[in-house]
Each structure stands twice: as structure tokens, then as C-alpha cells.
Amino acid sequence: MRTTLTIDDDVARLLKARQHRKQQDFKQTVNEILRLGLQADAEAKDPPFVVRTFDGGGFAPGVAPTKLNQLLDDLEIEDFLEKFGR
């Protein structure tokens, strides 16, 4: 496929240096570099997502799980009294 491509000067210098090192024509060098870049991109995978879990340690001493609603009520009453006076 023929196409027109504008290449930055620094990239063109790198391609020409590689072309001379490998003794290839410019077309071969560009195609090789594009293939390598595209293959590397396809092979690069995000690390697997891991969900970390932590030991909650349970409830604090003196807190009964069966009385959490009562504890919440007590805290709300305490907050109300602090805001509006006793």
C-alpha cells in the first residue's frame, strides 16, 4: 500500500540510522519498526485486577451486633442534645 506519511525529524533520524545499520531500504526499516511497535502494543496487557481484602477484626469490645440499631439511636440522641442543648 502506498501512502504519504509525515515523520518528525527526530524519528526520521532514528529510522535512517537503523536503516544504515541494518543495511535495509527505508521502506523495510519503517515496516519493521511499525510491526515491532504494534506487536509490543498487542502483547502489553494490563496487570490483572486484584481485590484486596482486609480482616475487619469484628466489632469493638462492648458492641453487640444485635443491638446496633439501639446504638445508632443513642448516638443520634447524643448528637441532637449536643446541637440543641440539654
PDB file of N, CA and C in Angstrom:
ATOM      1  N   MET A   1       0.847  -1.169   0.000  1.00  0.00           N
ATOM      2  CA  MET A   1       0.000   0.000   0.000  1.00  0.00           C
ATOM      3  C   MET A   1       0.895   1.235   0.000  1.00  0.00           C
ATOM      4  N   ARG A   2       0.611   2.151  -0.827  1.00  0.00           N
ATOM      5  CA  ARG A   2       1.364   3.401  -0.885  1.00  0.00           C
ATOM      6  C   ARG A   2       0.595   4.456  -0.094  1.00  0.00           C
ATOM      7  N   THR A   3       1.343   5.209   0.690  1.00  0.00           N
ATOM      8  CA  THR A   3       0.716   6.282   1.450  1.00  0.00           C
ATOM      9  C   THR A   3       1.743   7.374   1.702  1.00  0.00           C
ATOM     10  N   THR A   4       1.274   8.547   2.033  1.00  0.00           N
ATOM     11  CA  THR A   4       2.158   9.652   2.392  1.00  0.00           C
ATOM     12  C   THR A   4       2.105   9.805   3.898  1.00  0.00           C
ATOM     13  N   LEU A   5       3.273   9.924   4.500  1.00  0.00           N
ATOM     14  CA  LEU A   5       3.365   9.977   5.948  1.00  0.00           C
ATOM     15  C   LEU A   5       4.340  11.079   6.330  1.00  0.00           C
ATOM     16  N   THR A   6       3.950  11.940   7.246  1.00  0.00           N
ATOM     17  CA  THR A   6       4.853  12.971   7.749  1.00  0.00           C
ATOM     18  C   THR A   6       5.501  12.442   9.019  1.00  0.00           C
ATOM     19  N   ILE A   7       6.828  12.384   9.005  1.00  0.00           N
ATOM     20  CA  ILE A   7       7.579  11.830  10.133  1.00  0.00           C
ATOM     21  C   ILE A   7       8.363  12.965  10.784  1.00  0.00           C
ATOM     22  N   ASP A   8       8.306  13.044  12.101  1.00  0.00           N
ATOM     23  CA  ASP A   8       9.076  14.055  12.831  1.00  0.00           C
ATOM     24  C   ASP A   8      10.562  13.872  12.551  1.00  0.00           C
ATOM     25  N   ASP A   9      11.305  14.983  12.610  1.00  0.00           N
ATOM     26  CA  ASP A   9      12.731  14.954  12.273  1.00  0.00           C
ATOM     27  C   ASP A   9      13.520  13.981  13.142  1.00  0.00           C
ATOM     28  N   ASP A  10      13.243  13.975  14.447  1.00  0.00           N
ATOM     29  CA  ASP A  10      14.000  13.084  15.337  1.00  0.00           C
ATOM     30  C   ASP A  10      13.718  11.618  15.010  1.00  0.00           C
ATOM     31  N   VAL A  11      12.478  11.305  14.673  1.00  0.00           N
ATOM     32  CA  VAL A  11      12.113   9.927  14.319  1.00  0.00           C
ATOM     33  C   VAL A  11      12.756   9.546  12.989  1.00  0.00           C
ATOM     34  N   ALA A  12      12.769  10.474  12.049  1.00  0.00           N
ATOM     35  CA  ALA A  12      13.394  10.209  10.747  1.00  0.00           C
ATOM     36  C   ALA A  12      14.880   9.911  10.917  1.00  0.00           C
ATOM     37  N   ARG A  13      15.548  10.660  11.800  1.00  0.00           N
ATOM     38  CA  ARG A  13      16.977  10.398  12.051  1.00  0.00           C
ATOM     39  C   ARG A  13      17.187   9.000  12.625  1.00  0.00           C
ATOM     40  N   LEU A  14      16.339   8.621  13.557  1.00  0.00           N
ATOM     41  CA  LEU A  14      16.457   7.281  14.149  1.00  0.00           C
ATOM     42  C   LEU A  14      16.208   6.197  13.103  1.00  0.00           C
ATOM     43  N   LEU A  15      15.218   6.403  12.262  1.00  0.00           N
ATOM     44  CA  LEU A  15      14.925   5.422  11.213  1.00  0.00           C
ATOM     45  C   LEU A  15      16.081   5.308  10.220  1.00  0.00           C
ATOM     46  N   LYS A  16      16.644   6.438   9.827  1.00  0.00           N
ATOM     47  CA  LYS A  16      17.758   6.411   8.868  1.00  0.00           C
ATOM     48  C   LYS A  16      18.987   5.741   9.480  1.00  0.00           C
ATOM     49  N   ALA A  17      19.239   5.995  10.763  1.00  0.00           N
ATOM     50  CA  ALA A  17      20.375   5.353  11.425  1.00  0.00           C
ATOM     51  C   ALA A  17      20.171   3.840  11.461  1.00  0.00           C
ATOM     52  N   ARG A  18      18.965   3.415  11.774  1.00  0.00           N
ATOM     53  CA  ARG A  18      18.669   1.975  11.795  1.00  0.00           C
ATOM     54  C   ARG A  18      18.758   1.392  10.387  1.00  0.00           C
ATOM     55  N   GLN A  19      18.300   2.131   9.418  1.00  0.00           N
ATOM     56  CA  GLN A  19      18.354   1.685   8.023  1.00  0.00           C
ATOM     57  C   GLN A  19      19.802   1.403   7.621  1.00  0.00           C
ATOM     58  N   HIS A  20      20.706   2.298   7.972  1.00  0.00           N
ATOM     59  CA  HIS A  20      22.113   2.107   7.613  1.00  0.00           C
ATOM     60  C   HIS A  20      22.738   0.953   8.394  1.00  0.00           C
ATOM     61  N   ARG A  21      22.385   0.834   9.677  1.00  0.00           N
ATOM     62  CA  ARG A  21      22.915  -0.268  10.494  1.00  0.00           C
ATOM     63  C   ARG A  21      22.481  -1.619   9.952  1.00  0.00           C
ATOM     64  N   LYS A  22      21.206  -1.722   9.608  1.00  0.00           N
ATOM     65  CA  LYS A  22      20.637  -2.997   9.144  1.00  0.00           C
ATOM     66  C   LYS A  22      20.853  -3.214   7.647  1.00  0.00           C
ATOM     67  N   GLN A  23      21.334  -2.196   6.971  1.00  0.00           N
ATOM     68  CA  GLN A  23      21.537  -2.246   5.519  1.00  0.00           C
ATOM     69  C   GLN A  23      20.238  -2.643   4.805  1.00  0.00           C
ATOM     70  N   GLN A  24      19.192  -1.923   5.144  1.00  0.00           N
ATOM     71  CA  GLN A  24      17.875  -2.131   4.545  1.00  0.00           C
ATOM     72  C   GLN A  24      17.485  -0.860   3.795  1.00  0.00           C
ATOM     73  N   ASP A  25      16.476  -0.977   2.967  1.00  0.00           N
ATOM     74  CA  ASP A  25      15.955   0.265   2.404  1.00  0.00           C
ATOM     75  C   ASP A  25      14.982   0.870   3.419  1.00  0.00           C
ATOM     76  N   PHE A  26      14.646   2.129   3.212  1.00  0.00           N
ATOM     77  CA  PHE A  26      13.836   2.873   4.177  1.00  0.00           C
ATOM     78  C   PHE A  26      12.480   2.216   4.398  1.00  0.00           C
ATOM     79  N   LYS A  27      11.874   1.736   3.330  1.00  0.00           N
ATOM     80  CA  LYS A  27      10.564   1.084   3.412  1.00  0.00           C
ATOM     81  C   LYS A  27      10.624  -0.125   4.342  1.00  0.00           C
ATOM     82  N   GLN A  28      11.648  -0.965   4.201  1.00  0.00           N
ATOM     83  CA  GLN A  28      11.784  -2.146   5.063  1.00  0.00           C
ATOM     84  C   GLN A  28      11.954  -1.733   6.523  1.00  0.00           C
ATOM     85  N   THR A  29      12.763  -0.708   6.743  1.00  0.00           N
ATOM     86  CA  THR A  29      13.010  -0.249   8.110  1.00  0.00           C
ATOM     87  C   THR A  29      11.726   0.258   8.758  1.00  0.00           C
ATOM     88  N   VAL A  30      10.978   1.081   8.051  1.00  0.00           N
ATOM     89  CA  VAL A  30       9.727   1.617   8.598  1.00  0.00           C
ATOM     90  C   VAL A  30       8.745   0.486   8.880  1.00  0.00           C
ATOM     91  N   ASN A  31       8.594  -0.452   7.949  1.00  0.00           N
ATOM     92  CA  ASN A  31       7.674  -1.573   8.162  1.00  0.00           C
ATOM     93  C   ASN A  31       8.097  -2.428   9.350  1.00  0.00           C
ATOM     94  N   GLU A  32       9.392  -2.681   9.484  1.00  0.00           N
ATOM     95  CA  GLU A  32       9.887  -3.490  10.605  1.00  0.00           C
ATOM     96  C   GLU A  32       9.591  -2.809  11.936  1.00  0.00           C
ATOM     97  N   ILE A  33       9.879  -1.517  12.011  1.00  0.00           N
ATOM     98  CA  ILE A  33       9.644  -0.783  13.257  1.00  0.00           C
ATOM     99  C   ILE A  33       8.151  -0.715  13.580  1.00  0.00           C
ATOM    100  N   LEU A  34       7.332  -0.496  12.578  1.00  0.00           N
ATOM    101  CA  LEU A  34       5.884  -0.478  12.816  1.00  0.00           C
ATOM    102  C   LEU A  34       5.391  -1.832  13.322  1.00  0.00           C
ATOM    103  N   ARG A  35       5.877  -2.911  12.712  1.00  0.00           N
ATOM    104  CA  ARG A  35       5.474  -4.255  13.165  1.00  0.00           C
ATOM    105  C   ARG A  35       5.885  -4.489  14.615  1.00  0.00           C
ATOM    106  N   LEU A  36       7.138  -4.155  14.930  1.00  0.00           N
ATOM    107  CA  LEU A  36       7.625  -4.351  16.299  1.00  0.00           C
ATOM    108  C   LEU A  36       6.791  -3.550  17.299  1.00  0.00           C
ATOM    109  N   GLY A  37       6.505  -2.310  16.953  1.00  0.00           N
ATOM    110  CA  GLY A  37       5.710  -1.471  17.848  1.00  0.00           C
ATOM    111  C   GLY A  37       4.295  -1.976  18.024  1.00  0.00           C
ATOM    112  N   LEU A  38       3.681  -2.403  16.936  1.00  0.00           N
ATOM    113  CA  LEU A  38       2.308  -2.898  17.017  1.00  0.00           C
ATOM    114  C   LEU A  38       2.229  -4.232  17.746  1.00  0.00           C
ATOM    115  N   GLN A  39       3.224  -5.090  17.553  1.00  0.00           N
ATOM    116  CA  GLN A  39       3.242  -6.372  18.269  1.00  0.00           C
ATOM    117  C   GLN A  39       3.429  -6.143  19.762  1.00  0.00           C
ATOM    118  N   ALA A  40       4.339  -5.236  20.106  1.00  0.00           N
ATOM    119  CA  ALA A  40       4.572  -4.947  21.525  1.00  0.00           C
ATOM    120  C   ALA A  40       3.313  -4.385  22.165  1.00  0.00           C
ATOM    121  N   ASP A  41       2.611  -3.531  21.431  1.00  0.00           N
ATOM    122  CA  ASP A  41       1.377  -2.955  21.947  1.00  0.00           C
ATOM    123  C   ASP A  41       0.314  -4.033  22.148  1.00  0.00           C
ATOM    124  N   ALA A  42       0.233  -4.978  21.210  1.00  0.00           N
ATOM    125  CA  ALA A  42      -0.758  -6.055  21.312  1.00  0.00           C
ATOM    126  C   ALA A  42      -0.421  -7.006  22.454  1.00  0.00           C
ATOM    127  N   GLU A  43       0.873  -7.196  22.713  1.00  0.00           N
ATOM    128  CA  GLU A  43       1.295  -8.123  23.762  1.00  0.00           C
ATOM    129  C   GLU A  43       1.221  -7.496  25.145  1.00  0.00           C
ATOM    130  N   ALA A  44       1.279  -6.179  25.212  1.00  0.00           N
ATOM    131  CA  ALA A  44       1.225  -5.498  26.505  1.00  0.00           C
ATOM    132  C   ALA A  44      -0.172  -5.654  27.084  1.00  0.00           C
ATOM    133  N   LYS A  45      -0.236  -6.212  28.253  1.00  0.00           N
ATOM    134  CA  LYS A  45      -1.523  -6.418  28.902  1.00  0.00           C
ATOM    135  C   LYS A  45      -1.515  -5.696  30.236  1.00  0.00           C
ATOM    136  N   ASP A  46      -2.675  -5.226  30.621  1.00  0.00           N
ATOM    137  CA  ASP A  46      -2.800  -4.635  31.938  1.00  0.00           C
ATOM    138  C   ASP A  46      -2.644  -5.737  32.975  1.00  0.00           C
ATOM    139  N   PRO A  47      -2.039  -5.414  34.105  1.00  0.00           N
ATOM    140  CA  PRO A  47      -1.943  -6.437  35.148  1.00  0.00           C
ATOM    141  C   PRO A  47      -3.346  -6.829  35.605  1.00  0.00           C
ATOM    142  N   PRO A  48      -3.522  -8.069  36.021  1.00  0.00           N
ATOM    143  CA  PRO A  48      -4.857  -8.495  36.449  1.00  0.00           C
ATOM    144  C   PRO A  48      -5.326  -7.675  37.651  1.00  0.00           C
ATOM    145  N   PHE A  49      -6.603  -7.381  37.664  1.00  0.00           N
ATOM    146  CA  PHE A  49      -7.184  -6.617  38.765  1.00  0.00           C
ATOM    147  C   PHE A  49      -7.305  -7.525  39.980  1.00  0.00           C
ATOM    148  N   VAL A  50      -6.799  -7.057  41.089  1.00  0.00           N
ATOM    149  CA  VAL A  50      -6.837  -7.841  42.319  1.00  0.00           C
ATOM    150  C   VAL A  50      -7.589  -7.041  43.377  1.00  0.00           C
ATOM    151  N   VAL A  51      -8.550  -7.670  44.003  1.00  0.00           N
ATOM    152  CA  VAL A  51      -9.282  -7.034  45.086  1.00  0.00           C
ATOM    153  C   VAL A  51      -8.621  -7.442  46.391  1.00  0.00           C
ATOM    154  N   ARG A  52      -8.145  -6.441  47.095  1.00  0.00           N
ATOM    155  CA  ARG A  52      -7.529  -6.738  48.392  1.00  0.00           C
ATOM    156  C   ARG A  52      -8.619  -6.824  49.454  1.00  0.00           C
ATOM    157  N   THR A  53      -8.503  -7.797  50.297  1.00  0.00           N
ATOM    158  CA  THR A  53      -9.444  -7.916  51.403  1.00  0.00           C
ATOM    159  C   THR A  53      -8.681  -7.718  52.703  1.00  0.00           C
ATOM    160  N   PHE A  54      -9.348  -7.200  53.672  1.00  0.00           N
ATOM    161  CA  PHE A  54      -8.727  -6.943  54.959  1.00  0.00           C
ATOM    162  C   PHE A  54      -9.584  -7.570  56.046  1.00  0.00           C
ATOM    163  N   ASP A  55      -8.922  -8.047  57.071  1.00  0.00           N
ATOM    164  CA  ASP A  55      -9.635  -8.595  58.214  1.00  0.00           C
ATOM    165  C   ASP A  55     -10.204  -7.422  58.998  1.00  0.00           C
ATOM    166  N   GLY A  56     -11.510  -7.344  59.048  1.00  0.00           N
ATOM    167  CA  GLY A  56     -12.146  -6.234  59.745  1.00  0.00           C
ATOM    168  C   GLY A  56     -11.951  -6.291  61.248  1.00  0.00           C
ATOM    169  N   GLY A  57     -11.618  -7.437  61.768  1.00  0.00           N
ATOM    170  CA  GLY A  57     -11.379  -7.552  63.190  1.00  0.00           C
ATOM    171  C   GLY A  57     -12.648  -7.645  64.020  1.00  0.00           C
ATOM    172  N   GLY A  58     -13.796  -7.569  63.381  1.00  0.00           N
ATOM    173  CA  GLY A  58     -15.050  -7.682  64.115  1.00  0.00           C
ATOM    174  C   GLY A  58     -15.418  -6.380  64.812  1.00  0.00           C
ATOM    175  N   PHE A  59     -16.376  -6.458  65.697  1.00  0.00           N
ATOM    176  CA  PHE A  59     -16.848  -5.285  66.422  1.00  0.00           C
ATOM    177  C   PHE A  59     -15.951  -5.000  67.614  1.00  0.00           C
ATOM    178  N   ALA A  60     -15.942  -3.742  67.998  1.00  0.00           N
ATOM    179  CA  ALA A  60     -15.152  -3.338  69.168  1.00  0.00           C
ATOM    180  C   ALA A  60     -15.740  -3.993  70.413  1.00  0.00           C
ATOM    181  N   PRO A  61     -14.908  -4.197  71.413  1.00  0.00           N
ATOM    182  CA  PRO A  61     -15.418  -4.791  72.656  1.00  0.00           C
ATOM    183  C   PRO A  61     -16.562  -3.949  73.222  1.00  0.00           C
ATOM    184  N   GLY A  62     -17.591  -4.595  73.652  1.00  0.00           N
ATOM    185  CA  GLY A  62     -18.738  -3.914  74.226  1.00  0.00           C
ATOM    186  C   GLY A  62     -19.825  -3.577  73.216  1.00  0.00           C
ATOM    187  N   VAL A  63     -19.578  -3.798  71.931  1.00  0.00           N
ATOM    188  CA  VAL A  63     -20.587  -3.525  70.905  1.00  0.00           C
ATOM    189  C   VAL A  63     -21.215  -4.856  70.504  1.00  0.00           C
ATOM    190  N   ALA A  64     -22.482  -4.990  70.796  1.00  0.00           N
ATOM    191  CA  ALA A  64     -23.197  -6.219  70.458  1.00  0.00           C
ATOM    192  C   ALA A  64     -23.830  -6.048  69.081  1.00  0.00           C
ATOM    193  N   PRO A  65     -23.507  -6.929  68.131  1.00  0.00           N
ATOM    194  CA  PRO A  65     -24.065  -6.796  66.782  1.00  0.00           C
ATOM    195  C   PRO A  65     -25.590  -6.799  66.757  1.00  0.00           C
ATOM    196  N   THR A  66     -26.194  -7.423  67.740  1.00  0.00           N
ATOM    197  CA  THR A  66     -27.660  -7.497  67.767  1.00  0.00           C
ATOM    198  C   THR A  66     -28.290  -6.198  68.262  1.00  0.00           C
ATOM    199  N   LYS A  67     -27.477  -5.282  68.793  1.00  0.00           N
ATOM    200  CA  LYS A  67     -28.023  -4.032  69.332  1.00  0.00           C
ATOM    201  C   LYS A  67     -27.503  -2.801  68.585  1.00  0.00           C
ATOM    202  N   LEU A  68     -27.165  -2.964  67.304  1.00  0.00           N
ATOM    203  CA  LEU A  68     -26.624  -1.841  66.537  1.00  0.00           C
ATOM    204  C   LEU A  68     -27.654  -0.734  66.333  1.00  0.00           C
ATOM    205  N   ASN A  69     -28.923  -1.090  66.132  1.00  0.00           N
ATOM    206  CA  ASN A  69     -29.958  -0.062  65.980  1.00  0.00           C
ATOM    207  C   ASN A  69     -30.095   0.778  67.244  1.00  0.00           C
ATOM    208  N   GLN A  70     -30.012   0.123  68.385  1.00  0.00           N
ATOM    209  CA  GLN A  70     -30.098   0.850  69.648  1.00  0.00           C
ATOM    210  C   GLN A  70     -28.890   1.784  69.790  1.00  0.00           C
ATOM    211  N   LEU A  71     -27.709   1.302  69.400  1.00  0.00           N
ATOM    212  CA  LEU A  71     -26.507   2.127  69.462  1.00  0.00           C
ATOM    213  C   LEU A  71     -26.652   3.350  68.551  1.00  0.00           C
ATOM    214  N   LEU A  72     -27.177   3.151  67.351  1.00  0.00           N
ATOM    215  CA  LEU A  72     -27.388   4.260  66.419  1.00  0.00           C
ATOM    216  C   LEU A  72     -28.370   5.274  67.003  1.00  0.00           C
ATOM    217  N   ASP A  73     -29.453   4.793  67.596  1.00  0.00           N
ATOM    218  CA  ASP A  73     -30.416   5.698  68.229  1.00  0.00           C
ATOM    219  C   ASP A  73     -29.748   6.512  69.329  1.00  0.00           C
ATOM    220  N   ASP A  74     -28.953   5.850  70.168  1.00  0.00           N
ATOM    221  CA  ASP A  74     -28.260   6.541  71.260  1.00  0.00           C
ATOM    222  C   ASP A  74     -27.319   7.616  70.718  1.00  0.00           C
ATOM    223  N   LEU A  75     -26.609   7.308  69.637  1.00  0.00           N
ATOM    224  CA  LEU A  75     -25.685   8.283  69.051  1.00  0.00           C
ATOM    225  C   LEU A  75     -26.437   9.467  68.447  1.00  0.00           C
ATOM    226  N   GLU A  76     -27.575   9.204  67.814  1.00  0.00           N
ATOM    227  CA  GLU A  76     -28.371  10.290  67.242  1.00  0.00           C
ATOM    228  C   GLU A  76     -28.936  11.191  68.335  1.00  0.00           C
ATOM    229  N   ILE A  77     -29.381  10.601  69.421  1.00  0.00           N
ATOM    230  CA  ILE A  77     -29.901  11.388  70.547  1.00  0.00           C
ATOM    231  C   ILE A  77     -28.785  12.243  71.130  1.00  0.00           C
ATOM    232  N   GLU A  78     -27.616  11.649  71.295  1.00  0.00           N
ATOM    233  CA  GLU A  78     -26.462  12.370  71.837  1.00  0.00           C
ATOM    234  C   GLU A  78     -26.096  13.551  70.928  1.00  0.00           C
ATOM    235  N   ASP A  79     -26.097  13.327  69.630  1.00  0.00           N
ATOM    236  CA  ASP A  79     -25.778  14.379  68.663  1.00  0.00           C
ATOM    237  C   ASP A  79     -26.825  15.493  68.720  1.00  0.00           C
ATOM    238  N   PHE A  80     -28.088  15.125  68.801  1.00  0.00           N
ATOM    239  CA  PHE A  80     -29.172  16.107  68.885  1.00  0.00           C
ATOM    240  C   PHE A  80     -29.019  16.968  70.134  1.00  0.00           C
ATOM    241  N   LEU A  81     -28.732  16.332  71.262  1.00  0.00           N
ATOM    242  CA  LEU A  81     -28.596  17.076  72.512  1.00  0.00           C
ATOM    243  C   LEU A  81     -27.400  18.021  72.472  1.00  0.00           C
ATOM    244  N   GLU A  82     -26.320  17.620  71.808  1.00  0.00           N
ATOM    245  CA  GLU A  82     -25.152  18.494  71.696  1.00  0.00           C
ATOM    246  C   GLU A  82     -25.469  19.714  70.834  1.00  0.00           C
ATOM    247  N   LYS A  83     -26.261  19.526  69.784  1.00  0.00           N
ATOM    248  CA  LYS A  83     -26.578  20.635  68.881  1.00  0.00           C
ATOM    249  C   LYS A  83     -27.593  21.608  69.482  1.00  0.00           C
ATOM    250  N   PHE A  84     -28.585  21.084  70.182  1.00  0.00           N
ATOM    251  CA  PHE A  84     -29.685  21.927  70.633  1.00  0.00           C
ATOM    252  C   PHE A  84     -29.732  22.114  72.147  1.00  0.00           C
ATOM    253  N   GLY A  85     -28.704  21.725  72.827  1.00  0.00           N
ATOM    254  CA  GLY A  85     -28.615  21.944  74.265  1.00  0.00           C
ATOM    255  C   GLY A  85     -29.373  20.918  75.069  1.00  0.00           C
ATOM    256  N   ARG A  86     -29.004  20.857  76.295  1.00  0.00           N
ATOM    257  CA  ARG A  86     -29.628  19.872  77.185  1.00  0.00           C
ATOM    258  C   ARG A  86     -30.674  20.510  78.034  1.00  0.00           C
TER     259      ARG A  86
END
